[in-house]
Amino acid sequence: MLTLIAKLASDHTDHRIAEHLNALGLRTQTGKPWSYARVASMRRQHAIPTCCPVHTQGRQDRADGFMPAAAAARQLGVSLAAVRVWAHNGILGHDQRTASSKIWVRLTDADRVRLDGNADVTGLPTVAEVAAQTGTIRSAVWQRVRDGEFVAYRSARSRGLWEWRLGPRELRLNGDGAVS
């Protein structure tokens, strides 16, 4: 068990390790399911380091490619609140141990291009247009973004304002920011 935890700790958080161990049907010595606290305790007792901490202060990146939301906000030139909303709406991939814990986000080069507001998204519908076309509410459309059906693109609307345009998951931006 210690060998498996040590191996997983090189690129997984303790809560993801617990999920993995439980999915394999493994239990603690006392027959209990694995939890974040139990994995963290085992790591501490046996001096197993983690490359994926859950606390964001003073950190830049984790081994699994996630970074603190505050670092992503600085790189994108937006507020921390915006990054949190974007993460919860599925615009950015994220990892969060509990609803009130720190948020880690994945920010790729493609995400930076997609979120800088300069992508050519001509012809892509807005969130409101997709909601109207499908007869649903905006929150249902955002759920489809979270589910991976759509990719959201930040698009300039007018004088410092922007809106979200949605494309199918297969849509990609080429090097000059045009949708292809």
N, C-alpha and C. Protein backbone atom coordinates (compact mmCIF):
# COMPACT_ATOMS: atom_id res chain seq x y z
N MET A 1 0.82 -1.19 0.00
CA MET A 1 0.00 0.00 0.00
C MET A 1 0.88 1.26 0.00
N LEU A 2 1.92 1.23 0.82
CA LEU A 2 2.82 2.39 0.88
C LEU A 2 3.50 2.65 -0.45
N THR A 3 3.88 1.60 -1.14
CA THR A 3 4.51 1.75 -2.45
C THR A 3 3.55 2.39 -3.44
N LEU A 4 2.30 1.97 -3.42
CA LEU A 4 1.30 2.53 -4.32
C LEU A 4 1.04 4.00 -3.99
N ILE A 5 0.91 4.31 -2.70
CA ILE A 5 0.68 5.71 -2.30
C ILE A 5 1.87 6.56 -2.71
N ALA A 6 3.09 6.07 -2.51
CA ALA A 6 4.29 6.84 -2.89
C ALA A 6 4.33 7.07 -4.39
N LYS A 7 3.97 6.05 -5.16
CA LYS A 7 3.96 6.20 -6.62
C LYS A 7 2.92 7.23 -7.04
N LEU A 8 1.71 7.15 -6.49
CA LEU A 8 0.64 8.07 -6.86
C LEU A 8 0.92 9.50 -6.37
N ALA A 9 1.63 9.64 -5.26
CA ALA A 9 1.90 10.97 -4.70
C ALA A 9 2.80 11.81 -5.59
N SER A 10 3.46 11.16 -6.55
CA SER A 10 4.35 11.92 -7.44
C SER A 10 3.58 12.79 -8.42
N ASP A 11 2.30 12.46 -8.68
CA ASP A 11 1.53 13.31 -9.60
C ASP A 11 0.03 13.33 -9.31
N HIS A 12 -0.36 13.05 -8.08
CA HIS A 12 -1.76 13.12 -7.67
C HIS A 12 -1.88 13.77 -6.30
N THR A 13 -2.98 14.45 -6.08
CA THR A 13 -3.27 15.00 -4.75
C THR A 13 -3.75 13.89 -3.84
N ASP A 14 -3.74 14.13 -2.54
CA ASP A 14 -4.18 13.12 -1.59
C ASP A 14 -5.64 12.73 -1.80
N HIS A 15 -6.51 13.70 -2.13
CA HIS A 15 -7.92 13.33 -2.34
C HIS A 15 -8.09 12.50 -3.61
N ARG A 16 -7.27 12.74 -4.63
CA ARG A 16 -7.34 11.91 -5.84
C ARG A 16 -6.75 10.52 -5.59
N ILE A 17 -5.71 10.44 -4.74
CA ILE A 17 -5.16 9.14 -4.36
C ILE A 17 -6.23 8.33 -3.63
N ALA A 18 -6.95 8.97 -2.71
CA ALA A 18 -8.01 8.28 -1.98
C ALA A 18 -9.08 7.77 -2.94
N GLU A 19 -9.47 8.59 -3.91
CA GLU A 19 -10.46 8.15 -4.91
C GLU A 19 -9.95 6.94 -5.68
N HIS A 20 -8.67 6.99 -6.06
CA HIS A 20 -8.08 5.89 -6.83
C HIS A 20 -8.05 4.60 -6.00
N LEU A 21 -7.61 4.68 -4.74
CA LEU A 21 -7.54 3.50 -3.89
C LEU A 21 -8.93 2.91 -3.67
N ASN A 22 -9.91 3.77 -3.45
CA ASN A 22 -11.29 3.30 -3.26
C ASN A 22 -11.84 2.66 -4.53
N ALA A 23 -11.50 3.23 -5.68
CA ALA A 23 -11.96 2.66 -6.95
C ALA A 23 -11.38 1.27 -7.18
N LEU A 24 -10.19 1.04 -6.65
CA LEU A 24 -9.56 -0.28 -6.76
C LEU A 24 -10.12 -1.26 -5.72
N GLY A 25 -10.99 -0.75 -4.84
CA GLY A 25 -11.57 -1.60 -3.80
C GLY A 25 -10.65 -1.81 -2.60
N LEU A 26 -9.60 -1.00 -2.50
CA LEU A 26 -8.65 -1.13 -1.39
C LEU A 26 -9.16 -0.39 -0.16
N ARG A 27 -8.85 -0.93 1.02
CA ARG A 27 -9.27 -0.33 2.28
C ARG A 27 -8.06 -0.19 3.20
N THR A 28 -8.23 0.59 4.24
CA THR A 28 -7.16 0.74 5.23
C THR A 28 -7.02 -0.56 6.01
N GLN A 29 -6.02 -0.65 6.89
CA GLN A 29 -5.81 -1.86 7.69
C GLN A 29 -7.03 -2.17 8.57
N THR A 30 -7.78 -1.15 8.93
CA THR A 30 -8.96 -1.37 9.77
C THR A 30 -10.23 -1.53 8.95
N GLY A 31 -10.09 -1.62 7.62
CA GLY A 31 -11.24 -1.87 6.76
C GLY A 31 -12.04 -0.63 6.37
N LYS A 32 -11.50 0.53 6.65
CA LYS A 32 -12.20 1.79 6.32
C LYS A 32 -11.86 2.24 4.91
N PRO A 33 -12.78 2.97 4.27
CA PRO A 33 -12.45 3.52 2.95
C PRO A 33 -11.39 4.62 3.09
N TRP A 34 -10.66 4.83 2.02
CA TRP A 34 -9.63 5.86 2.03
C TRP A 34 -10.26 7.24 1.93
N SER A 35 -9.67 8.21 2.60
CA SER A 35 -10.10 9.60 2.55
C SER A 35 -8.86 10.47 2.39
N TYR A 36 -9.10 11.75 2.10
CA TYR A 36 -7.99 12.70 2.02
C TYR A 36 -7.15 12.64 3.29
N ALA A 37 -7.80 12.70 4.45
CA ALA A 37 -7.09 12.74 5.73
C ALA A 37 -6.30 11.45 5.96
N ARG A 38 -6.85 10.31 5.59
CA ARG A 38 -6.15 9.04 5.80
C ARG A 38 -4.91 8.93 4.92
N VAL A 39 -5.04 9.36 3.66
CA VAL A 39 -3.87 9.33 2.76
C VAL A 39 -2.81 10.31 3.27
N ALA A 40 -3.22 11.52 3.63
CA ALA A 40 -2.27 12.52 4.13
C ALA A 40 -1.57 12.02 5.39
N SER A 41 -2.30 11.36 6.26
CA SER A 41 -1.71 10.82 7.48
C SER A 41 -0.68 9.74 7.16
N MET A 42 -1.00 8.86 6.25
CA MET A 42 -0.04 7.81 5.85
C MET A 42 1.22 8.43 5.24
N ARG A 43 1.03 9.44 4.41
CA ARG A 43 2.21 10.09 3.81
C ARG A 43 3.08 10.72 4.89
N ARG A 44 2.45 11.41 5.85
CA ARG A 44 3.22 12.05 6.93
C ARG A 44 3.95 11.01 7.79
N GLN A 45 3.25 9.96 8.16
CA GLN A 45 3.84 8.92 9.03
C GLN A 45 5.04 8.25 8.38
N HIS A 46 5.01 8.12 7.07
CA HIS A 46 6.07 7.39 6.36
C HIS A 46 6.94 8.31 5.51
N ALA A 47 6.85 9.62 5.75
CA ALA A 47 7.68 10.64 5.08
C ALA A 47 7.63 10.52 3.56
N ILE A 48 6.42 10.33 3.04
CA ILE A 48 6.22 10.27 1.59
C ILE A 48 5.88 11.68 1.11
N PRO A 49 6.74 12.29 0.28
CA PRO A 49 6.45 13.65 -0.19
C PRO A 49 5.34 13.65 -1.24
N THR A 50 4.72 14.81 -1.40
CA THR A 50 3.72 14.96 -2.47
C THR A 50 4.19 16.04 -3.43
N CYS A 51 3.94 15.83 -4.69
CA CYS A 51 4.24 16.85 -5.70
C CYS A 51 2.98 17.62 -6.06
N CYS A 52 1.88 17.31 -5.37
CA CYS A 52 0.59 17.95 -5.67
C CYS A 52 -0.08 18.39 -4.37
N PRO A 53 0.42 19.44 -3.74
CA PRO A 53 -0.21 19.90 -2.50
C PRO A 53 -1.59 20.48 -2.76
N VAL A 54 -2.40 20.61 -1.71
CA VAL A 54 -3.71 21.21 -1.86
C VAL A 54 -3.69 22.69 -1.46
N HIS A 55 -2.70 23.10 -0.70
CA HIS A 55 -2.59 24.50 -0.29
C HIS A 55 -1.83 25.28 -1.34
N THR A 56 -2.35 26.42 -1.74
CA THR A 56 -1.81 27.15 -2.89
C THR A 56 -0.78 28.21 -2.53
N GLN A 57 -0.70 28.64 -1.29
CA GLN A 57 0.17 29.75 -0.94
C GLN A 57 1.64 29.44 -1.23
N GLY A 58 2.27 30.33 -1.97
CA GLY A 58 3.69 30.21 -2.27
C GLY A 58 4.01 29.16 -3.33
N ARG A 59 3.00 28.61 -3.95
CA ARG A 59 3.21 27.56 -4.94
C ARG A 59 3.07 28.13 -6.34
N GLN A 60 3.72 27.51 -7.30
CA GLN A 60 3.54 27.90 -8.69
C GLN A 60 2.77 26.84 -9.46
N ASP A 61 3.33 25.67 -9.59
CA ASP A 61 2.68 24.60 -10.34
C ASP A 61 2.79 23.30 -9.56
N ARG A 62 1.88 22.39 -9.87
CA ARG A 62 1.95 21.05 -9.30
C ARG A 62 2.42 20.09 -10.39
N ALA A 63 2.78 18.90 -9.99
CA ALA A 63 3.27 17.91 -10.95
C ALA A 63 2.18 17.48 -11.93
N ASP A 64 0.91 17.66 -11.57
CA ASP A 64 -0.17 17.25 -12.47
C ASP A 64 -0.59 18.37 -13.42
N GLY A 65 0.17 19.48 -13.44
CA GLY A 65 -0.09 20.55 -14.40
C GLY A 65 -1.02 21.64 -13.90
N PHE A 66 -1.51 21.55 -12.68
CA PHE A 66 -2.38 22.58 -12.14
C PHE A 66 -1.56 23.65 -11.44
N MET A 67 -2.09 24.87 -11.42
CA MET A 67 -1.45 25.99 -10.75
C MET A 67 -2.47 26.69 -9.86
N PRO A 68 -2.02 27.46 -8.86
CA PRO A 68 -2.98 28.18 -8.03
C PRO A 68 -3.82 29.13 -8.89
N ALA A 69 -5.08 29.29 -8.53
CA ALA A 69 -5.97 30.18 -9.28
C ALA A 69 -5.42 31.60 -9.31
N ALA A 70 -4.79 32.04 -8.22
CA ALA A 70 -4.24 33.40 -8.19
C ALA A 70 -3.13 33.57 -9.22
N ALA A 71 -2.30 32.54 -9.41
CA ALA A 71 -1.24 32.62 -10.42
C ALA A 71 -1.84 32.67 -11.82
N ALA A 72 -2.90 31.89 -12.05
CA ALA A 72 -3.57 31.92 -13.35
C ALA A 72 -4.20 33.29 -13.60
N ALA A 73 -4.78 33.88 -12.57
CA ALA A 73 -5.39 35.20 -12.70
C ALA A 73 -4.34 36.24 -13.11
N ARG A 74 -3.17 36.18 -12.47
CA ARG A 74 -2.09 37.11 -12.83
C ARG A 74 -1.68 36.91 -14.28
N GLN A 75 -1.52 35.66 -14.71
CA GLN A 75 -1.10 35.40 -16.08
C GLN A 75 -2.14 35.84 -17.10
N LEU A 76 -3.42 35.72 -16.76
CA LEU A 76 -4.49 36.10 -17.68
C LEU A 76 -4.86 37.57 -17.59
N GLY A 77 -4.38 38.25 -16.56
CA GLY A 77 -4.69 39.67 -16.38
C GLY A 77 -6.14 39.91 -15.97
N VAL A 78 -6.70 38.99 -15.20
CA VAL A 78 -8.07 39.12 -14.72
C VAL A 78 -8.07 38.92 -13.20
N SER A 79 -9.21 39.12 -12.58
CA SER A 79 -9.30 38.97 -11.14
C SER A 79 -9.35 37.50 -10.73
N LEU A 80 -9.00 37.25 -9.48
CA LEU A 80 -9.10 35.90 -8.93
C LEU A 80 -10.56 35.43 -8.96
N ALA A 81 -11.49 36.33 -8.70
CA ALA A 81 -12.91 35.98 -8.74
C ALA A 81 -13.32 35.50 -10.13
N ALA A 82 -12.80 36.14 -11.17
CA ALA A 82 -13.12 35.72 -12.54
C ALA A 82 -12.61 34.30 -12.80
N VAL A 83 -11.40 34.01 -12.37
CA VAL A 83 -10.84 32.66 -12.57
C VAL A 83 -11.67 31.63 -11.82
N ARG A 84 -12.11 31.97 -10.61
CA ARG A 84 -12.96 31.03 -9.85
C ARG A 84 -14.26 30.75 -10.60
N VAL A 85 -14.91 31.80 -11.09
CA VAL A 85 -16.16 31.62 -11.85
C VAL A 85 -15.89 30.80 -13.10
N TRP A 86 -14.81 31.11 -13.81
CA TRP A 86 -14.48 30.38 -15.03
C TRP A 86 -14.25 28.90 -14.73
N ALA A 87 -13.57 28.62 -13.62
CA ALA A 87 -13.32 27.22 -13.24
C ALA A 87 -14.64 26.51 -12.95
N HIS A 88 -15.50 27.13 -12.18
CA HIS A 88 -16.76 26.49 -11.81
C HIS A 88 -17.72 26.38 -12.99
N ASN A 89 -17.56 27.20 -14.00
CA ASN A 89 -18.41 27.11 -15.20
C ASN A 89 -17.82 26.16 -16.24
N GLY A 90 -16.64 25.59 -15.97
CA GLY A 90 -16.06 24.63 -16.90
C GLY A 90 -15.21 25.27 -17.99
N ILE A 91 -14.97 26.56 -17.88
CA ILE A 91 -14.15 27.26 -18.87
C ILE A 91 -12.69 26.88 -18.71
N LEU A 92 -12.27 26.69 -17.47
CA LEU A 92 -10.92 26.23 -17.16
C LEU A 92 -11.02 24.92 -16.39
N GLY A 93 -10.15 23.98 -16.70
CA GLY A 93 -10.08 22.76 -15.91
C GLY A 93 -9.60 23.11 -14.52
N HIS A 94 -10.17 22.45 -13.50
CA HIS A 94 -9.75 22.78 -12.15
C HIS A 94 -9.80 21.57 -11.23
N ASP A 95 -9.14 21.71 -10.09
CA ASP A 95 -9.15 20.69 -9.05
C ASP A 95 -9.38 21.42 -7.74
N GLN A 96 -10.29 20.88 -6.95
CA GLN A 96 -10.62 21.48 -5.66
C GLN A 96 -11.02 20.35 -4.73
N ARG A 97 -10.36 20.25 -3.58
CA ARG A 97 -10.61 19.14 -2.66
C ARG A 97 -12.03 19.18 -2.12
N THR A 98 -12.48 20.32 -1.65
CA THR A 98 -13.85 20.51 -1.17
C THR A 98 -14.37 21.83 -1.71
N ALA A 99 -15.66 22.06 -1.57
CA ALA A 99 -16.26 23.27 -2.13
C ALA A 99 -15.65 24.55 -1.57
N SER A 100 -15.12 24.51 -0.37
CA SER A 100 -14.57 25.73 0.22
C SER A 100 -13.04 25.77 0.22
N SER A 101 -12.40 24.79 -0.39
CA SER A 101 -10.94 24.77 -0.38
C SER A 101 -10.37 25.55 -1.56
N LYS A 102 -9.05 25.68 -1.55
CA LYS A 102 -8.36 26.42 -2.60
C LYS A 102 -8.58 25.78 -3.96
N ILE A 103 -8.60 26.61 -4.98
CA ILE A 103 -8.80 26.13 -6.34
C ILE A 103 -7.47 26.12 -7.08
N TRP A 104 -7.21 25.01 -7.73
CA TRP A 104 -6.09 24.87 -8.65
C TRP A 104 -6.67 24.80 -10.04
N VAL A 105 -6.06 25.46 -11.00
CA VAL A 105 -6.56 25.44 -12.38
C VAL A 105 -5.48 24.98 -13.34
N ARG A 106 -5.94 24.43 -14.45
CA ARG A 106 -5.02 24.05 -15.54
C ARG A 106 -5.11 25.17 -16.57
N LEU A 107 -3.98 25.74 -16.93
CA LEU A 107 -3.93 26.84 -17.89
C LEU A 107 -2.91 26.50 -18.97
N THR A 108 -3.42 26.09 -20.12
CA THR A 108 -2.55 25.70 -21.24
C THR A 108 -2.37 26.90 -22.17
N ASP A 109 -1.48 26.76 -23.12
CA ASP A 109 -1.29 27.81 -24.12
C ASP A 109 -2.58 28.02 -24.91
N ALA A 110 -3.28 26.94 -25.23
CA ALA A 110 -4.55 27.05 -25.95
C ALA A 110 -5.59 27.80 -25.12
N ASP A 111 -5.59 27.57 -23.79
CA ASP A 111 -6.50 28.31 -22.92
C ASP A 111 -6.19 29.80 -22.94
N ARG A 112 -4.91 30.14 -22.90
CA ARG A 112 -4.52 31.55 -22.92
C ARG A 112 -5.03 32.24 -24.18
N VAL A 113 -4.90 31.58 -25.33
CA VAL A 113 -5.38 32.14 -26.60
C VAL A 113 -6.90 32.24 -26.59
N ARG A 114 -7.56 31.22 -26.07
CA ARG A 114 -9.02 31.16 -26.03
C ARG A 114 -9.62 32.19 -25.09
N LEU A 115 -8.86 32.59 -24.07
CA LEU A 115 -9.40 33.48 -23.04
C LEU A 115 -8.89 34.91 -23.11
N ASP A 116 -8.00 35.23 -24.04
CA ASP A 116 -7.47 36.60 -24.08
C ASP A 116 -8.42 37.58 -24.76
N GLY A 117 -9.49 37.08 -25.36
CA GLY A 117 -10.49 37.96 -25.97
C GLY A 117 -10.21 38.33 -27.41
N ASN A 118 -9.13 37.82 -27.98
CA ASN A 118 -8.75 38.19 -29.34
C ASN A 118 -9.00 37.10 -30.38
N ALA A 119 -9.53 35.97 -29.95
CA ALA A 119 -9.77 34.87 -30.91
C ALA A 119 -10.87 35.27 -31.88
N ASP A 120 -10.70 34.86 -33.12
CA ASP A 120 -11.72 35.10 -34.14
C ASP A 120 -12.80 34.04 -33.99
N VAL A 121 -13.90 34.41 -33.38
CA VAL A 121 -14.99 33.47 -33.11
C VAL A 121 -16.22 33.80 -33.95
N THR A 122 -15.98 34.38 -35.11
CA THR A 122 -17.06 34.74 -36.02
C THR A 122 -17.94 33.52 -36.28
N GLY A 123 -19.21 33.68 -36.12
CA GLY A 123 -20.15 32.60 -36.39
C GLY A 123 -20.48 31.72 -35.20
N LEU A 124 -19.71 31.82 -34.12
CA LEU A 124 -20.03 31.01 -32.94
C LEU A 124 -21.12 31.69 -32.13
N PRO A 125 -22.08 30.94 -31.62
CA PRO A 125 -23.18 31.54 -30.86
C PRO A 125 -22.76 31.93 -29.45
N THR A 126 -23.47 32.89 -28.87
CA THR A 126 -23.26 33.27 -27.48
C THR A 126 -23.99 32.27 -26.59
N VAL A 127 -23.73 32.33 -25.30
CA VAL A 127 -24.42 31.46 -24.34
C VAL A 127 -25.92 31.70 -24.42
N ALA A 128 -26.33 32.97 -24.48
CA ALA A 128 -27.75 33.29 -24.56
C ALA A 128 -28.39 32.73 -25.83
N GLU A 129 -27.65 32.79 -26.95
CA GLU A 129 -28.18 32.26 -28.21
C GLU A 129 -28.34 30.75 -28.15
N VAL A 130 -27.39 30.06 -27.54
CA VAL A 130 -27.50 28.60 -27.40
C VAL A 130 -28.69 28.27 -26.51
N ALA A 131 -28.88 29.03 -25.43
CA ALA A 131 -30.02 28.79 -24.55
C ALA A 131 -31.33 28.99 -25.30
N ALA A 132 -31.41 30.04 -26.10
CA ALA A 132 -32.64 30.30 -26.86
C ALA A 132 -32.88 29.21 -27.91
N GLN A 133 -31.81 28.80 -28.60
CA GLN A 133 -31.93 27.77 -29.64
C GLN A 133 -32.38 26.43 -29.08
N THR A 134 -31.95 26.12 -27.86
CA THR A 134 -32.25 24.82 -27.28
C THR A 134 -33.43 24.86 -26.32
N GLY A 135 -33.98 26.07 -26.09
CA GLY A 135 -35.12 26.19 -25.19
C GLY A 135 -34.77 25.90 -23.74
N THR A 136 -33.53 26.21 -23.35
CA THR A 136 -33.10 25.97 -21.97
C THR A 136 -32.67 27.28 -21.34
N ILE A 137 -32.26 27.21 -20.10
CA ILE A 137 -31.77 28.39 -19.40
C ILE A 137 -30.23 28.40 -19.47
N ARG A 138 -29.66 29.56 -19.17
CA ARG A 138 -28.20 29.74 -19.28
C ARG A 138 -27.44 28.74 -18.40
N SER A 139 -27.96 28.45 -17.21
CA SER A 139 -27.25 27.52 -16.33
C SER A 139 -27.17 26.13 -16.95
N ALA A 140 -28.18 25.74 -17.72
CA ALA A 140 -28.15 24.45 -18.40
C ALA A 140 -27.08 24.45 -19.50
N VAL A 141 -26.91 25.59 -20.15
CA VAL A 141 -25.86 25.70 -21.18
C VAL A 141 -24.49 25.60 -20.52
N TRP A 142 -24.30 26.28 -19.38
CA TRP A 142 -23.01 26.20 -18.67
C TRP A 142 -22.75 24.78 -18.21
N GLN A 143 -23.79 24.03 -17.86
CA GLN A 143 -23.60 22.63 -17.48
C GLN A 143 -23.06 21.84 -18.67
N ARG A 144 -23.52 22.15 -19.85
CA ARG A 144 -23.02 21.48 -21.06
C ARG A 144 -21.55 21.83 -21.31
N VAL A 145 -21.15 23.06 -20.94
CA VAL A 145 -19.73 23.43 -21.01
C VAL A 145 -18.94 22.58 -20.01
N ARG A 146 -19.45 22.49 -18.76
CA ARG A 146 -18.78 21.68 -17.74
C ARG A 146 -18.68 20.22 -18.17
N ASP A 147 -19.70 19.73 -18.86
CA ASP A 147 -19.71 18.34 -19.32
C ASP A 147 -18.80 18.10 -20.52
N GLY A 148 -18.26 19.17 -21.09
CA GLY A 148 -17.32 19.04 -22.21
C GLY A 148 -17.96 19.06 -23.58
N GLU A 149 -19.24 19.32 -23.65
CA GLU A 149 -19.91 19.36 -24.95
C GLU A 149 -19.51 20.61 -25.74
N PHE A 150 -19.30 21.72 -25.02
CA PHE A 150 -18.90 22.98 -25.63
C PHE A 150 -17.59 23.47 -25.04
N VAL A 151 -16.90 24.31 -25.81
CA VAL A 151 -15.72 25.04 -25.34
C VAL A 151 -16.10 26.51 -25.38
N ALA A 152 -15.80 27.23 -24.30
CA ALA A 152 -16.14 28.65 -24.23
C ALA A 152 -14.96 29.51 -24.66
N TYR A 153 -15.25 30.54 -25.47
CA TYR A 153 -14.25 31.48 -25.96
C TYR A 153 -14.65 32.88 -25.50
N ARG A 154 -13.70 33.58 -24.91
CA ARG A 154 -13.94 34.95 -24.49
C ARG A 154 -13.82 35.83 -25.71
N SER A 155 -14.83 36.67 -25.94
CA SER A 155 -14.88 37.47 -27.15
C SER A 155 -15.20 38.92 -26.80
N ALA A 156 -14.44 39.84 -27.38
CA ALA A 156 -14.70 41.27 -27.17
C ALA A 156 -16.05 41.63 -27.78
N ARG A 157 -16.84 42.40 -27.01
CA ARG A 157 -18.15 42.82 -27.51
C ARG A 157 -18.12 44.29 -27.90
N SER A 158 -17.76 45.14 -26.99
CA SER A 158 -17.62 46.57 -27.28
C SER A 158 -16.93 47.25 -26.12
N ARG A 159 -16.23 48.30 -26.38
CA ARG A 159 -15.53 49.15 -25.40
C ARG A 159 -15.27 48.49 -24.04
N GLY A 160 -14.37 47.55 -24.01
CA GLY A 160 -13.98 46.93 -22.75
C GLY A 160 -14.92 45.86 -22.24
N LEU A 161 -16.00 45.60 -22.94
CA LEU A 161 -16.93 44.54 -22.54
C LEU A 161 -16.64 43.28 -23.35
N TRP A 162 -16.99 42.14 -22.80
CA TRP A 162 -16.79 40.89 -23.51
C TRP A 162 -17.94 39.96 -23.23
N GLU A 163 -18.02 38.89 -24.03
CA GLU A 163 -19.07 37.88 -23.88
C GLU A 163 -18.48 36.52 -24.17
N TRP A 164 -19.23 35.48 -23.86
CA TRP A 164 -18.79 34.12 -24.12
C TRP A 164 -19.43 33.59 -25.38
N ARG A 165 -18.59 33.03 -26.26
CA ARG A 165 -19.05 32.35 -27.47
C ARG A 165 -18.74 30.87 -27.28
N LEU A 166 -19.59 30.02 -27.81
CA LEU A 166 -19.43 28.58 -27.59
C LEU A 166 -19.20 27.85 -28.89
N GLY A 167 -18.24 26.95 -28.87
CA GLY A 167 -17.96 26.10 -30.01
C GLY A 167 -17.98 24.66 -29.58
N PRO A 168 -18.11 23.74 -30.52
CA PRO A 168 -18.07 22.32 -30.16
C PRO A 168 -16.68 21.94 -29.65
N ARG A 169 -16.60 20.91 -28.86
CA ARG A 169 -15.35 20.46 -28.25
C ARG A 169 -14.26 20.24 -29.30
N GLU A 170 -14.62 19.81 -30.50
CA GLU A 170 -13.63 19.50 -31.54
C GLU A 170 -12.99 20.75 -32.13
N LEU A 171 -13.62 21.90 -31.93
CA LEU A 171 -13.12 23.15 -32.50
C LEU A 171 -11.80 23.53 -31.85
N ARG A 172 -10.87 24.01 -32.61
CA ARG A 172 -9.56 24.41 -32.10
C ARG A 172 -9.17 25.76 -32.68
N LEU A 173 -8.30 26.45 -31.96
CA LEU A 173 -7.74 27.70 -32.46
C LEU A 173 -6.41 27.39 -33.13
N ASN A 174 -6.18 28.02 -34.27
CA ASN A 174 -4.86 27.86 -34.89
C ASN A 174 -3.92 28.90 -34.30
N GLY A 175 -2.70 28.94 -34.75
CA GLY A 175 -1.67 29.79 -34.18
C GLY A 175 -1.98 31.27 -34.17
N ASP A 176 -2.79 31.78 -35.12
CA ASP A 176 -3.09 33.20 -35.15
C ASP A 176 -4.40 33.55 -34.45
N GLY A 177 -4.96 32.60 -33.69
CA GLY A 177 -6.17 32.88 -32.91
C GLY A 177 -7.45 32.69 -33.68
N ALA A 178 -7.40 32.19 -34.90
CA ALA A 178 -8.61 31.96 -35.68
C ALA A 178 -9.15 30.56 -35.38
N VAL A 179 -10.45 30.44 -35.35
CA VAL A 179 -11.08 29.15 -35.09
C VAL A 179 -11.01 28.30 -36.35
N SER A 180 -10.63 27.05 -36.18
CA SER A 180 -10.57 26.13 -37.33
C SER A 180 -11.24 24.81 -36.99
